[in-house]
Structures are given as structure tokens and as C-alpha cells.
Amino acid sequence: MTYLPHLIDDPAFAAIDLGSNALRAIIVRLQGDKIEVLKEVREPLRLGEDVFSKGIISPEKCRQTEECFIRLLHLFTAYGVDDVRAIATSAMRDARNSQALIHNISLYTGIDIGAISGREEAQLIFNAVSSEISLKNKRAILMDIGGGSTEISIVIDGKLTASHSFNIGTVRLLRHESQKELDIRISLMVEKILRFIHGHFGKKTPDLFIGTGGNLRRMGKIRRKILNKSSEECLYSEIAHMADTLFSMSFIDRVRKLELDRNRADVILPATMLVRILMKGIGAKKILLPKVGLKEGIILSMLDKEPRKFKRLPKT
């Protein structure tokens, strides 16, 4: 963790998730037994574009990332942040020049970045999810889809019993030439995921199937926009329809009609297809989409062990 100069009486905490598709940051302040979310930031850096094709982060993306952290430092100062934890996932684990980028960011901002393993990532996500959803007496599967990897966790009676990081993510899956090729790549990886799941549950359908990550939250928002239903879950039939609809739409139509950011309009398709194929494989009729994920798990790791829920301010 990085400690910044304490500027105001009511300090805030910040977490940074430097992912393969985007950087996400959250600023919070404790409010009794609640964690008040003050600000959330997303920067579509797409580090995985370079790393998964060339093995390194390009000088241009390094510069963009360094500038992003400098902007974050100014933001943290404005909010009175005095404790920051920054972690990096798949792309930074794989990049040959990641240590040089980490060194420069620390030099320019004083923010230290720690690269974590897939197991550590799964634990942080589990902590965040279990703060929002009761997992006691449940058999649950947690799925986090990132740009470079997908974490699958097995939960039995409220305890994280196993997890595995699969080398499949939305940025990696962008390198396809046809729907057939994309279907084949996803199906082959889902076979490996199913073997992992069946090794713990057999052929039984889990009580809960829970998804985290930016693309899954976006699926929930699309559901709310189109069907005017809760964004915190999706039925299998809705996911299947969403996947077919997304593939039939052009990139521009996804941006205009679904109001997707340009950096989301491409990766949402492989993410939706991956969820659909896996839900069919495990027989899940519904996926829960809590509004927490890795960055919230990072925040919880910085605090005491008292149970706390995240409280988001109404959007204006």
C-alpha cells in the first residue's frame, strides 16, 4: 500500500485495478458500517493489445499509463486520499517490460503497483462478492471475466475452496476472423472450465452463478435499458438473445443503439458469448451481477475485518 500525505480530517481510501482492458479506480470513505463510494474512474488503456500480441507494452501505452497515474494522484489529493493500494493483473504479469513501467509510475507518483496472481485476484473478488451476497449453505461459482484472463472460483458453504485462472479474456478473444472461429476458441476453453467445475460439483448445477467484471456489469445495464428489469441479474435466455443480437449488429450500431463506449462495443461480444456457453454447460438459468468486483475487494483488504457494505451515492 502507498501512503499519501494526510490533508484533511476525514481521510479517504483508494484502490486501483490495472487490468488488461482498462484501469479502474475507486475512492471511498468509511461511514459507520458502510463504505461510501465517492468516485469511480475507468480508463480504457488496453495494455493487453500490446502484451498478448508482442509480449511487451509499447512506449505509447507506457506513456498513457504513466499520465493516467499522474491524473489519479491529483484526484486522490483533491479527495483527501491518504492510503492507496494498486494492483496489476494478467497483462502486467505477462509483459516483459512491466517492471520498468511500475518503476516509472512509482518514481513519478509515489504509487507502488503490486502484480498479483490469479489466486490472489480470485480471493479479493470473493471477498467483495461475499460482502454483498450471502453464500452460506450455498454451492456457488464465481466468474470474473477480464481482458486477459477469466477467474473461476468454487464456493461451498460460504468458503472459497478452489479457484483457477484461465488464459482467456475479452482482449485476447478480439483476435478472430469469423463467428465460427470465435465460437471454437471459446468452446475449447469452456471445456477446460467445465472440467474444473465438474471436478468439484460433479454434474450438479450450482445454487448460485455469480459474475463480475466490467462486461458483465454492462450486460446488466443492457438488460435494464432494453427490458426495464434489474441490472443485478440476467436469465440464460436473455444472455443468449443478447449474444445473437450483438453479433448481428455492426460495431457502430452497438455504440449508437446500445449507447456503448467505443472501447466496450468490441469486447462485449466475446464476453457475452463466453457467459452464454458456460451457462449452458453448467445448466445455470440465471447469473447474478453484483455491483462489486476486484477494486472493491482491494478496498476490503485495506480495512479491518468487520463486515461492511458498499454505499454508492445517487447519480445526478
C-alpha atoms as a PDB file:
ATOM      1  CA  MET A   1       0.000   0.000   0.000  1.00  0.00           C
ATOM      2  CA  THR A   2       1.059   3.580  -0.627  1.00  0.00           C
ATOM      3  CA  TYR A   3       0.512   6.292   1.971  1.00  0.00           C
ATOM      4  CA  LEU A   4      -0.057   9.814   0.700  1.00  0.00           C
ATOM      5  CA  PRO A   5       0.232  12.999   2.786  1.00  0.00           C
ATOM      6  CA  HIS A   6      -2.816  13.394   5.047  1.00  0.00           C
ATOM      7  CA  LEU A   7      -4.505  16.661   4.076  1.00  0.00           C
ATOM      8  CA  ILE A   8      -7.959  16.660   5.727  1.00  0.00           C
ATOM      9  CA  ASP A   9      -9.532  15.337   8.921  1.00  0.00           C
ATOM     10  CA  ASP A  10     -11.747  12.769   7.199  1.00  0.00           C
ATOM     11  CA  PRO A  11      -9.361  10.598   5.174  1.00  0.00           C
ATOM     12  CA  ALA A  12     -10.351   8.527   2.173  1.00  0.00           C
ATOM     13  CA  PHE A  13      -9.024   5.267   0.723  1.00  0.00           C
ATOM     14  CA  ALA A  14      -8.379   4.427  -2.912  1.00  0.00           C
ATOM     15  CA  ALA A  15      -7.874   1.226  -4.878  1.00  0.00           C
ATOM     16  CA  ILE A  16      -6.512   0.823  -8.400  1.00  0.00           C
ATOM     17  CA  ASP A  17      -7.041  -2.219 -10.626  1.00  0.00           C
ATOM     18  CA  LEU A  18      -4.656  -2.022 -13.580  1.00  0.00           C
ATOM     19  CA  GLY A  19      -6.257  -4.602 -15.852  1.00  0.00           C
ATOM     20  CA  SER A  20      -5.592  -5.862 -19.359  1.00  0.00           C
ATOM     21  CA  ASN A  21      -8.514  -3.949 -20.851  1.00  0.00           C
ATOM     22  CA  ALA A  22      -8.834  -0.939 -18.588  1.00  0.00           C
ATOM     23  CA  LEU A  23      -7.650   0.747 -15.420  1.00  0.00           C
ATOM     24  CA  ARG A  24     -10.318   1.080 -12.760  1.00  0.00           C
ATOM     25  CA  ALA A  25     -10.009   3.112  -9.599  1.00  0.00           C
ATOM     26  CA  ILE A  26     -12.342   3.753  -6.684  1.00  0.00           C
ATOM     27  CA  ILE A  27     -12.210   6.320  -3.890  1.00  0.00           C
ATOM     28  CA  VAL A  28     -14.140   5.575  -0.706  1.00  0.00           C
ATOM     29  CA  ARG A  29     -14.658   6.863   2.815  1.00  0.00           C
ATOM     30  CA  LEU A  30     -15.827   4.933   5.860  1.00  0.00           C
ATOM     31  CA  GLN A  31     -19.287   5.876   7.098  1.00  0.00           C
ATOM     32  CA  GLY A  32     -20.170   3.765  10.128  1.00  0.00           C
ATOM     33  CA  ASP A  33     -20.580   0.189   8.942  1.00  0.00           C
ATOM     34  CA  LYS A  34     -20.827   1.350   5.327  1.00  0.00           C
ATOM     35  CA  ILE A  35     -18.189   2.099   2.743  1.00  0.00           C
ATOM     36  CA  GLU A  36     -19.251   5.286   0.965  1.00  0.00           C
ATOM     37  CA  VAL A  37     -18.154   5.362  -2.667  1.00  0.00           C
ATOM     38  CA  LEU A  38     -17.058   8.901  -3.532  1.00  0.00           C
ATOM     39  CA  LYS A  39     -15.642   8.490  -7.015  1.00  0.00           C
ATOM     40  CA  GLU A  40     -15.055   5.769  -9.616  1.00  0.00           C
ATOM     41  CA  VAL A  41     -12.707   6.102 -12.582  1.00  0.00           C
ATOM     42  CA  ARG A  42     -12.257   3.971 -15.692  1.00  0.00           C
ATOM     43  CA  GLU A  43      -9.514   4.491 -18.275  1.00  0.00           C
ATOM     44  CA  PRO A  44      -9.531   2.161 -21.334  1.00  0.00           C
ATOM     45  CA  LEU A  45      -5.757   1.709 -21.584  1.00  0.00           C
ATOM     46  CA  ARG A  46      -5.941  -1.681 -23.342  1.00  0.00           C
ATOM     47  CA  LEU A  47      -2.487  -2.845 -22.203  1.00  0.00           C
ATOM     48  CA  GLY A  48      -3.378  -6.348 -23.351  1.00  0.00           C
ATOM     49  CA  GLU A  49      -3.473  -5.281 -27.009  1.00  0.00           C
ATOM     50  CA  ASP A  50       0.307  -4.989 -26.989  1.00  0.00           C
ATOM     51  CA  VAL A  51       1.166  -7.685 -24.485  1.00  0.00           C
ATOM     52  CA  PHE A  52      -0.872 -10.534 -25.968  1.00  0.00           C
ATOM     53  CA  SER A  53       0.499  -9.950 -29.465  1.00  0.00           C
ATOM     54  CA  LYS A  54       4.059  -8.692 -28.850  1.00  0.00           C
ATOM     55  CA  GLY A  55       4.875  -9.605 -25.265  1.00  0.00           C
ATOM     56  CA  ILE A  56       5.644  -6.014 -24.249  1.00  0.00           C
ATOM     57  CA  ILE A  57       3.803  -2.774 -23.542  1.00  0.00           C
ATOM     58  CA  SER A  58       4.519  -0.225 -26.265  1.00  0.00           C
ATOM     59  CA  PRO A  59       6.212   3.102 -25.417  1.00  0.00           C
ATOM     60  CA  GLU A  60       2.982   4.931 -26.293  1.00  0.00           C
ATOM     61  CA  LYS A  61       0.867   2.850 -23.923  1.00  0.00           C
ATOM     62  CA  CYS A  62       3.511   3.187 -21.221  1.00  0.00           C
ATOM     63  CA  ARG A  63       3.279   6.958 -21.611  1.00  0.00           C
ATOM     64  CA  GLN A  64      -0.531   6.868 -21.480  1.00  0.00           C
ATOM     65  CA  THR A  65      -0.441   4.720 -18.345  1.00  0.00           C
ATOM     66  CA  GLU A  66       2.063   6.998 -16.602  1.00  0.00           C
ATOM     67  CA  GLU A  67      -0.056  10.056 -17.439  1.00  0.00           C
ATOM     68  CA  CYS A  68      -3.165   8.264 -16.153  1.00  0.00           C
ATOM     69  CA  PHE A  69      -1.485   7.643 -12.786  1.00  0.00           C
ATOM     70  CA  ILE A  70      -0.399  11.267 -12.568  1.00  0.00           C
ATOM     71  CA  ARG A  71      -4.041  12.344 -13.103  1.00  0.00           C
ATOM     72  CA  LEU A  72      -5.116   9.875 -10.435  1.00  0.00           C
ATOM     73  CA  LEU A  73      -2.593  11.335  -8.000  1.00  0.00           C
ATOM     74  CA  HIS A  74      -4.145  14.794  -8.450  1.00  0.00           C
ATOM     75  CA  LEU A  75      -7.629  13.308  -7.991  1.00  0.00           C
ATOM     76  CA  PHE A  76      -6.595  11.473  -4.838  1.00  0.00           C
ATOM     77  CA  THR A  77      -5.169  14.684  -3.408  1.00  0.00           C
ATOM     78  CA  ALA A  78      -8.433  16.529  -4.124  1.00  0.00           C
ATOM     79  CA  TYR A  79     -10.430  13.861  -2.271  1.00  0.00           C
ATOM     80  CA  GLY A  80      -8.083  13.676   0.691  1.00  0.00           C
ATOM     81  CA  VAL A  81      -6.894  10.149  -0.038  1.00  0.00           C
ATOM     82  CA  ASP A  82      -4.063   9.066   2.249  1.00  0.00           C
ATOM     83  CA  ASP A  83      -3.962   5.322   1.604  1.00  0.00           C
ATOM     84  CA  VAL A  84      -3.757   3.716  -1.861  1.00  0.00           C
ATOM     85  CA  ARG A  85      -3.380   0.122  -2.970  1.00  0.00           C
ATOM     86  CA  ALA A  86      -2.701  -0.543  -6.643  1.00  0.00           C
ATOM     87  CA  ILE A  87      -2.589  -3.994  -8.201  1.00  0.00           C
ATOM     88  CA  ALA A  88      -1.941  -5.278 -11.715  1.00  0.00           C
ATOM     89  CA  THR A  89      -3.351  -8.411 -13.327  1.00  0.00           C
ATOM     90  CA  SER A  90      -2.882 -10.522 -16.452  1.00  0.00           C
ATOM     91  CA  ALA A  91      -1.263  -8.137 -18.952  1.00  0.00           C
ATOM     92  CA  MET A  92       1.237  -6.763 -16.462  1.00  0.00           C
ATOM     93  CA  ARG A  93       2.058 -10.299 -15.284  1.00  0.00           C
ATOM     94  CA  ASP A  94       2.840 -11.284 -18.873  1.00  0.00           C
ATOM     95  CA  ALA A  95       4.621  -8.150 -20.131  1.00  0.00           C
ATOM     96  CA  ARG A  96       8.420  -8.398 -20.280  1.00  0.00           C
ATOM     97  CA  ASN A  97       8.814  -4.686 -19.577  1.00  0.00           C
ATOM     98  CA  SER A  98       6.237  -4.366 -16.794  1.00  0.00           C
ATOM     99  CA  GLN A  99       8.848  -3.730 -14.094  1.00  0.00           C
ATOM    100  CA  ALA A 100      10.151  -0.670 -15.935  1.00  0.00           C
ATOM    101  CA  LEU A 101       6.627   0.760 -16.146  1.00  0.00           C
ATOM    102  CA  ILE A 102       5.970   0.006 -12.462  1.00  0.00           C
ATOM    103  CA  HIS A 103       9.266   1.725 -11.549  1.00  0.00           C
ATOM    104  CA  ASN A 104       8.414   4.868 -13.537  1.00  0.00           C
ATOM    105  CA  ILE A 105       4.928   5.148 -12.030  1.00  0.00           C
ATOM    106  CA  SER A 106       6.381   4.842  -8.538  1.00  0.00           C
ATOM    107  CA  LEU A 107       9.025   7.448  -9.387  1.00  0.00           C
ATOM    108  CA  TYR A 108       6.525   9.960 -10.817  1.00  0.00           C
ATOM    109  CA  THR A 109       3.644   9.470  -8.354  1.00  0.00           C
ATOM    110  CA  GLY A 110       4.861   7.551  -5.310  1.00  0.00           C
ATOM    111  CA  ILE A 111       2.196   4.908  -6.024  1.00  0.00           C
ATOM    112  CA  ASP A 112       3.555   1.369  -5.840  1.00  0.00           C
ATOM    113  CA  ILE A 113       1.925  -1.322  -8.002  1.00  0.00           C
ATOM    114  CA  GLY A 114       1.927  -4.961  -6.993  1.00  0.00           C
ATOM    115  CA  ALA A 115       1.297  -7.676  -9.574  1.00  0.00           C
ATOM    116  CA  ILE A 116      -0.905 -10.383  -8.067  1.00  0.00           C
ATOM    117  CA  SER A 117      -1.514 -13.988  -9.024  1.00  0.00           C
ATOM    118  CA  GLY A 118      -4.789 -15.341 -10.328  1.00  0.00           C
ATOM    119  CA  ARG A 119      -5.360 -16.992  -6.937  1.00  0.00           C
ATOM    120  CA  GLU A 120      -4.931 -13.690  -5.093  1.00  0.00           C
ATOM    121  CA  GLU A 121      -7.221 -11.996  -7.609  1.00  0.00           C
ATOM    122  CA  ALA A 122      -9.896 -14.648  -7.023  1.00  0.00           C
ATOM    123  CA  GLN A 123      -9.663 -14.192  -3.245  1.00  0.00           C
ATOM    124  CA  LEU A 124     -10.140 -10.419  -3.488  1.00  0.00           C
ATOM    125  CA  ILE A 125     -13.148 -10.829  -5.784  1.00  0.00           C
ATOM    126  CA  PHE A 126     -14.637 -13.470  -3.457  1.00  0.00           C
ATOM    127  CA  ASN A 127     -14.268 -11.095  -0.501  1.00  0.00           C
ATOM    128  CA  ALA A 128     -16.118  -8.357  -2.385  1.00  0.00           C
ATOM    129  CA  VAL A 129     -18.926 -10.634  -3.560  1.00  0.00           C
ATOM    130  CA  SER A 130     -19.442 -12.230  -0.152  1.00  0.00           C
ATOM    131  CA  SER A 131     -19.850  -8.737   1.353  1.00  0.00           C
ATOM    132  CA  GLU A 132     -22.913  -8.255  -0.869  1.00  0.00           C
ATOM    133  CA  ILE A 133     -24.404 -11.745  -1.346  1.00  0.00           C
ATOM    134  CA  SER A 134     -24.943 -14.382   1.327  1.00  0.00           C
ATOM    135  CA  LEU A 135     -23.071 -17.528   0.276  1.00  0.00           C
ATOM    136  CA  LYS A 136     -23.761 -19.517   3.458  1.00  0.00           C
ATOM    137  CA  ASN A 137     -25.142 -23.015   2.803  1.00  0.00           C
ATOM    138  CA  LYS A 138     -24.702 -22.421  -0.929  1.00  0.00           C
ATOM    139  CA  ARG A 139     -22.718 -24.059  -3.687  1.00  0.00           C
ATOM    140  CA  ALA A 140     -21.649 -21.191  -5.905  1.00  0.00           C
ATOM    141  CA  ILE A 141     -19.485 -20.460  -8.917  1.00  0.00           C
ATOM    142  CA  LEU A 142     -17.871 -17.044  -9.210  1.00  0.00           C
ATOM    143  CA  MET A 143     -16.777 -15.935 -12.662  1.00  0.00           C
ATOM    144  CA  ASP A 144     -14.720 -12.819 -13.326  1.00  0.00           C
ATOM    145  CA  ILE A 145     -14.071 -12.020 -16.986  1.00  0.00           C
ATOM    146  CA  GLY A 146     -11.108  -9.738 -17.563  1.00  0.00           C
ATOM    147  CA  GLY A 147      -9.289  -8.608 -20.655  1.00  0.00           C
ATOM    148  CA  GLY A 148      -6.542 -11.207 -20.324  1.00  0.00           C
ATOM    149  CA  SER A 149      -7.878 -13.947 -18.074  1.00  0.00           C
ATOM    150  CA  THR A 150     -11.041 -15.394 -16.590  1.00  0.00           C
ATOM    151  CA  GLU A 151     -11.049 -16.371 -12.925  1.00  0.00           C
ATOM    152  CA  ILE A 152     -13.352 -19.201 -11.872  1.00  0.00           C
ATOM    153  CA  SER A 153     -13.879 -19.767  -8.148  1.00  0.00           C
ATOM    154  CA  ILE A 154     -15.649 -22.591  -6.345  1.00  0.00           C
ATOM    155  CA  VAL A 155     -17.530 -21.647  -3.182  1.00  0.00           C
ATOM    156  CA  ILE A 156     -19.001 -24.246  -0.831  1.00  0.00           C
ATOM    157  CA  ASP A 157     -20.946 -23.152   2.248  1.00  0.00           C
ATOM    158  CA  GLY A 158     -19.558 -19.640   2.190  1.00  0.00           C
ATOM    159  CA  LYS A 159     -15.918 -20.668   1.806  1.00  0.00           C
ATOM    160  CA  LEU A 160     -13.655 -20.251  -1.195  1.00  0.00           C
ATOM    161  CA  THR A 161     -12.484 -23.819  -1.731  1.00  0.00           C
ATOM    162  CA  ALA A 162     -10.763 -23.594  -5.116  1.00  0.00           C
ATOM    163  CA  SER A 163     -10.005 -21.172  -7.917  1.00  0.00           C
ATOM    164  CA  HIS A 164      -8.302 -21.268 -11.279  1.00  0.00           C
ATOM    165  CA  SER A 165      -7.184 -18.558 -13.684  1.00  0.00           C
ATOM    166  CA  PHE A 166      -7.908 -19.466 -17.309  1.00  0.00           C
ATOM    167  CA  ASN A 167      -5.907 -17.812 -20.062  1.00  0.00           C
ATOM    168  CA  ILE A 168      -8.943 -16.413 -21.851  1.00  0.00           C
ATOM    169  CA  GLY A 169     -10.136 -12.821 -21.790  1.00  0.00           C
ATOM    170  CA  THR A 170     -12.027 -10.386 -23.928  1.00  0.00           C
ATOM    171  CA  VAL A 171      -8.958  -8.622 -25.341  1.00  0.00           C
ATOM    172  CA  ARG A 172      -7.343 -11.960 -26.233  1.00  0.00           C
ATOM    173  CA  LEU A 173     -10.589 -13.021 -27.932  1.00  0.00           C
ATOM    174  CA  LEU A 174     -10.686  -9.977 -30.207  1.00  0.00           C
ATOM    175  CA  ARG A 175      -8.200 -11.705 -32.498  1.00  0.00           C
ATOM    176  CA  HIS A 176     -10.725 -13.698 -34.533  1.00  0.00           C
ATOM    177  CA  GLU A 177     -11.790 -13.541 -38.169  1.00  0.00           C
ATOM    178  CA  SER A 178     -15.282 -15.066 -38.017  1.00  0.00           C
ATOM    179  CA  GLN A 179     -18.041 -16.047 -35.600  1.00  0.00           C
ATOM    180  CA  LYS A 180     -17.156 -19.696 -36.204  1.00  0.00           C
ATOM    181  CA  GLU A 181     -13.540 -19.158 -35.152  1.00  0.00           C
ATOM    182  CA  LEU A 182     -14.662 -17.228 -32.073  1.00  0.00           C
ATOM    183  CA  ASP A 183     -17.170 -19.975 -31.179  1.00  0.00           C
ATOM    184  CA  ILE A 184     -14.471 -22.642 -31.471  1.00  0.00           C
ATOM    185  CA  ARG A 185     -11.947 -20.748 -29.324  1.00  0.00           C
ATOM    186  CA  ILE A 186     -14.491 -20.064 -26.606  1.00  0.00           C
ATOM    187  CA  SER A 187     -15.911 -23.603 -26.692  1.00  0.00           C
ATOM    188  CA  LEU A 188     -12.457 -25.160 -26.298  1.00  0.00           C
ATOM    189  CA  MET A 189     -11.727 -23.022 -23.250  1.00  0.00           C
ATOM    190  CA  VAL A 190     -15.166 -23.637 -21.768  1.00  0.00           C
ATOM    191  CA  GLU A 191     -14.439 -27.384 -21.962  1.00  0.00           C
ATOM    192  CA  LYS A 192     -11.442 -26.798 -19.672  1.00  0.00           C
ATOM    193  CA  ILE A 193     -13.517 -24.620 -17.336  1.00  0.00           C
ATOM    194  CA  LEU A 194     -16.249 -27.263 -17.153  1.00  0.00           C
ATOM    195  CA  ARG A 195     -13.732 -29.971 -16.265  1.00  0.00           C
ATOM    196  CA  PHE A 196     -12.543 -27.779 -13.399  1.00  0.00           C
ATOM    197  CA  ILE A 197     -16.102 -27.120 -12.191  1.00  0.00           C
ATOM    198  CA  HIS A 198     -17.228 -30.750 -12.547  1.00  0.00           C
ATOM    199  CA  GLY A 199     -14.198 -31.824 -10.542  1.00  0.00           C
ATOM    200  CA  HIS A 200     -15.779 -30.075  -7.563  1.00  0.00           C
ATOM    201  CA  PHE A 201     -19.529 -30.253  -8.202  1.00  0.00           C
ATOM    202  CA  GLY A 202     -19.862 -33.264 -10.460  1.00  0.00           C
ATOM    203  CA  LYS A 203     -22.803 -32.786 -12.819  1.00  0.00           C
ATOM    204  CA  LYS A 204     -24.843 -30.891 -10.206  1.00  0.00           C
ATOM    205  CA  THR A 205     -25.987 -27.386 -11.064  1.00  0.00           C
ATOM    206  CA  PRO A 206     -24.662 -24.820  -8.562  1.00  0.00           C
ATOM    207  CA  ASP A 207     -27.103 -22.952  -6.347  1.00  0.00           C
ATOM    208  CA  LEU A 208     -25.666 -19.627  -7.473  1.00  0.00           C
ATOM    209  CA  PHE A 209     -23.763 -18.480 -10.543  1.00  0.00           C
ATOM    210  CA  ILE A 210     -22.240 -15.043  -9.960  1.00  0.00           C
ATOM    211  CA  GLY A 211     -20.426 -12.854 -12.473  1.00  0.00           C
ATOM    212  CA  THR A 212     -18.139  -9.853 -12.015  1.00  0.00           C
ATOM    213  CA  GLY A 213     -16.114  -7.627 -14.304  1.00  0.00           C
ATOM    214  CA  GLY A 214     -16.913  -4.630 -16.466  1.00  0.00           C
ATOM    215  CA  ASN A 215     -18.500  -6.535 -19.328  1.00  0.00           C
ATOM    216  CA  LEU A 216     -20.833  -8.462 -17.050  1.00  0.00           C
ATOM    217  CA  ARG A 217     -21.966  -5.261 -15.365  1.00  0.00           C
ATOM    218  CA  ARG A 218     -22.591  -3.836 -18.816  1.00  0.00           C
ATOM    219  CA  MET A 219     -24.779  -6.842 -19.690  1.00  0.00           C
ATOM    220  CA  GLY A 220     -26.887  -5.998 -16.667  1.00  0.00           C
ATOM    221  CA  LYS A 221     -27.180  -2.390 -17.807  1.00  0.00           C
ATOM    222  CA  ILE A 222     -28.220  -3.505 -21.301  1.00  0.00           C
ATOM    223  CA  ARG A 223     -30.902  -5.663 -19.665  1.00  0.00           C
ATOM    224  CA  ARG A 224     -32.179  -2.670 -17.708  1.00  0.00           C
ATOM    225  CA  LYS A 225     -32.120  -0.444 -20.794  1.00  0.00           C
ATOM    226  CA  ILE A 226     -33.918  -2.862 -23.111  1.00  0.00           C
ATOM    227  CA  LEU A 227     -36.221  -4.743 -20.723  1.00  0.00           C
ATOM    228  CA  ASN A 228     -36.505  -2.234 -17.864  1.00  0.00           C
ATOM    229  CA  LYS A 229     -35.549  -5.008 -15.429  1.00  0.00           C
ATOM    230  CA  SER A 230     -32.986  -5.218 -12.638  1.00  0.00           C
ATOM    231  CA  SER A 231     -29.383  -4.845 -13.752  1.00  0.00           C
ATOM    232  CA  GLU A 232     -28.136  -7.153 -10.987  1.00  0.00           C
ATOM    233  CA  GLU A 233     -29.067 -10.404 -12.709  1.00  0.00           C
ATOM    234  CA  CYS A 234     -29.653 -11.891 -16.160  1.00  0.00           C
ATOM    235  CA  LEU A 235     -31.532 -15.004 -17.241  1.00  0.00           C
ATOM    236  CA  TYR A 236     -29.887 -17.507 -19.573  1.00  0.00           C
ATOM    237  CA  SER A 237     -32.500 -16.779 -22.252  1.00  0.00           C
ATOM    238  CA  GLU A 238     -31.666 -13.074 -22.054  1.00  0.00           C
ATOM    239  CA  ILE A 239     -27.917 -13.706 -22.315  1.00  0.00           C
ATOM    240  CA  ALA A 240     -28.456 -15.960 -25.348  1.00  0.00           C
ATOM    241  CA  HIS A 241     -30.629 -13.345 -27.041  1.00  0.00           C
ATOM    242  CA  MET A 242     -28.098 -10.641 -26.185  1.00  0.00           C
ATOM    243  CA  ALA A 243     -25.238 -12.630 -27.756  1.00  0.00           C
ATOM    244  CA  ASP A 244     -27.182 -13.198 -31.010  1.00  0.00           C
ATOM    245  CA  THR A 245     -28.225  -9.551 -31.163  1.00  0.00           C
ATOM    246  CA  LEU A 246     -24.717  -8.227 -30.532  1.00  0.00           C
ATOM    247  CA  PHE A 247     -23.227 -10.406 -33.267  1.00  0.00           C
ATOM    248  CA  SER A 248     -25.868  -9.255 -35.765  1.00  0.00           C
ATOM    249  CA  MET A 249     -25.087  -5.585 -35.046  1.00  0.00           C
ATOM    250  CA  SER A 250     -22.217  -3.623 -36.518  1.00  0.00           C
ATOM    251  CA  PHE A 251     -19.678  -2.007 -34.244  1.00  0.00           C
ATOM    252  CA  ILE A 252     -21.212   1.410 -34.924  1.00  0.00           C
ATOM    253  CA  ASP A 253     -24.720   0.150 -34.158  1.00  0.00           C
ATOM    254  CA  ARG A 254     -23.533  -1.197 -30.807  1.00  0.00           C
ATOM    255  CA  VAL A 255     -22.155   2.247 -29.996  1.00  0.00           C
ATOM    256  CA  ARG A 256     -25.233   4.164 -31.171  1.00  0.00           C
ATOM    257  CA  LYS A 257     -28.179   1.911 -30.348  1.00  0.00           C
ATOM    258  CA  LEU A 258     -26.887   0.410 -27.110  1.00  0.00           C
ATOM    259  CA  GLU A 259     -25.018   3.572 -26.072  1.00  0.00           C
ATOM    260  CA  LEU A 260     -21.802   1.636 -25.517  1.00  0.00           C
ATOM    261  CA  ASP A 261     -18.411   3.300 -25.290  1.00  0.00           C
ATOM    262  CA  ARG A 262     -16.244   2.531 -28.301  1.00  0.00           C
ATOM    263  CA  ASN A 263     -13.805   0.645 -26.071  1.00  0.00           C
ATOM    264  CA  ARG A 264     -16.663  -1.514 -24.776  1.00  0.00           C
ATOM    265  CA  ALA A 265     -18.510  -2.146 -28.033  1.00  0.00           C
ATOM    266  CA  ASP A 266     -15.979  -4.701 -29.297  1.00  0.00           C
ATOM    267  CA  VAL A 267     -15.171  -6.687 -26.127  1.00  0.00           C
ATOM    268  CA  ILE A 268     -18.823  -7.048 -25.030  1.00  0.00           C
ATOM    269  CA  LEU A 269     -19.460  -9.649 -27.773  1.00  0.00           C
ATOM    270  CA  PRO A 270     -16.870 -12.302 -26.792  1.00  0.00           C
ATOM    271  CA  ALA A 271     -17.734 -11.757 -23.122  1.00  0.00           C
ATOM    272  CA  THR A 272     -21.434 -12.401 -23.761  1.00  0.00           C
ATOM    273  CA  MET A 273     -20.697 -15.479 -25.864  1.00  0.00           C
ATOM    274  CA  LEU A 274     -18.421 -16.863 -23.143  1.00  0.00           C
ATOM    275  CA  VAL A 275     -21.120 -16.405 -20.489  1.00  0.00           C
ATOM    276  CA  ARG A 276     -23.785 -17.997 -22.698  1.00  0.00           C
ATOM    277  CA  ILE A 277     -21.732 -21.098 -23.499  1.00  0.00           C
ATOM    278  CA  LEU A 278     -20.664 -21.597 -19.879  1.00  0.00           C
ATOM    279  CA  MET A 279     -24.197 -21.106 -18.507  1.00  0.00           C
ATOM    280  CA  LYS A 280     -25.464 -23.728 -20.915  1.00  0.00           C
ATOM    281  CA  GLY A 281     -22.660 -26.087 -19.906  1.00  0.00           C
ATOM    282  CA  ILE A 282     -23.436 -25.922 -16.176  1.00  0.00           C
ATOM    283  CA  GLY A 283     -27.199 -25.672 -16.588  1.00  0.00           C
ATOM    284  CA  ALA A 284     -27.466 -22.248 -14.935  1.00  0.00           C
ATOM    285  CA  LYS A 285     -30.740 -20.457 -15.594  1.00  0.00           C
ATOM    286  CA  LYS A 286     -29.611 -17.163 -14.080  1.00  0.00           C
ATOM    287  CA  ILE A 287     -26.421 -15.222 -13.376  1.00  0.00           C
ATOM    288  CA  LEU A 288     -26.213 -12.714 -10.515  1.00  0.00           C
ATOM    289  CA  LEU A 289     -24.359  -9.473 -11.271  1.00  0.00           C
ATOM    290  CA  PRO A 290     -23.440  -7.662  -8.040  1.00  0.00           C
ATOM    291  CA  LYS A 291     -22.052  -4.137  -8.300  1.00  0.00           C
ATOM    292  CA  VAL A 292     -18.714  -5.148  -6.835  1.00  0.00           C
ATOM    293  CA  GLY A 293     -15.564  -6.681  -8.194  1.00  0.00           C
ATOM    294  CA  LEU A 294     -11.809  -6.610  -7.894  1.00  0.00           C
ATOM    295  CA  LYS A 295     -11.386  -2.951  -6.942  1.00  0.00           C
ATOM    296  CA  GLU A 296     -13.928  -3.329  -4.115  1.00  0.00           C
ATOM    297  CA  GLY A 297     -12.056  -6.421  -2.953  1.00  0.00           C
ATOM    298  CA  ILE A 298      -8.863  -4.371  -2.844  1.00  0.00           C
ATOM    299  CA  ILE A 299     -10.590  -1.795  -0.638  1.00  0.00           C
ATOM    300  CA  LEU A 300     -11.771  -4.509   1.765  1.00  0.00           C
ATOM    301  CA  SER A 301      -8.206  -5.834   2.011  1.00  0.00           C
ATOM    302  CA  MET A 302      -7.106  -2.415   3.280  1.00  0.00           C
ATOM    303  CA  LEU A 303      -9.649  -2.261   6.109  1.00  0.00           C
ATOM    304  CA  ASP A 304     -10.329  -4.163   9.303  1.00  0.00           C
ATOM    305  CA  LYS A 305     -12.256  -7.436   9.168  1.00  0.00           C
ATOM    306  CA  GLU A 306     -15.632  -6.014  10.205  1.00  0.00           C
ATOM    307  CA  PRO A 307     -18.362  -6.769   7.632  1.00  0.00           C
ATOM    308  CA  ARG A 308     -19.136  -3.694   5.557  1.00  0.00           C
ATOM    309  CA  LYS A 309     -21.271  -2.994   2.507  1.00  0.00           C
ATOM    310  CA  PHE A 310     -20.573  -0.508  -0.256  1.00  0.00           C
ATOM    311  CA  LYS A 311     -22.877   2.501  -0.458  1.00  0.00           C
ATOM    312  CA  ARG A 312     -22.987   4.322  -3.775  1.00  0.00           C
ATOM    313  CA  LEU A 313     -24.246   7.868  -3.927  1.00  0.00           C
ATOM    314  CA  PRO A 314     -27.230   8.545  -6.227  1.00  0.00           C
ATOM    315  CA  LYS A 315     -26.154   9.623  -9.701  1.00  0.00           C
ATOM    316  CA  THR A 316     -27.017  13.185 -10.584  1.00  0.00           C
END
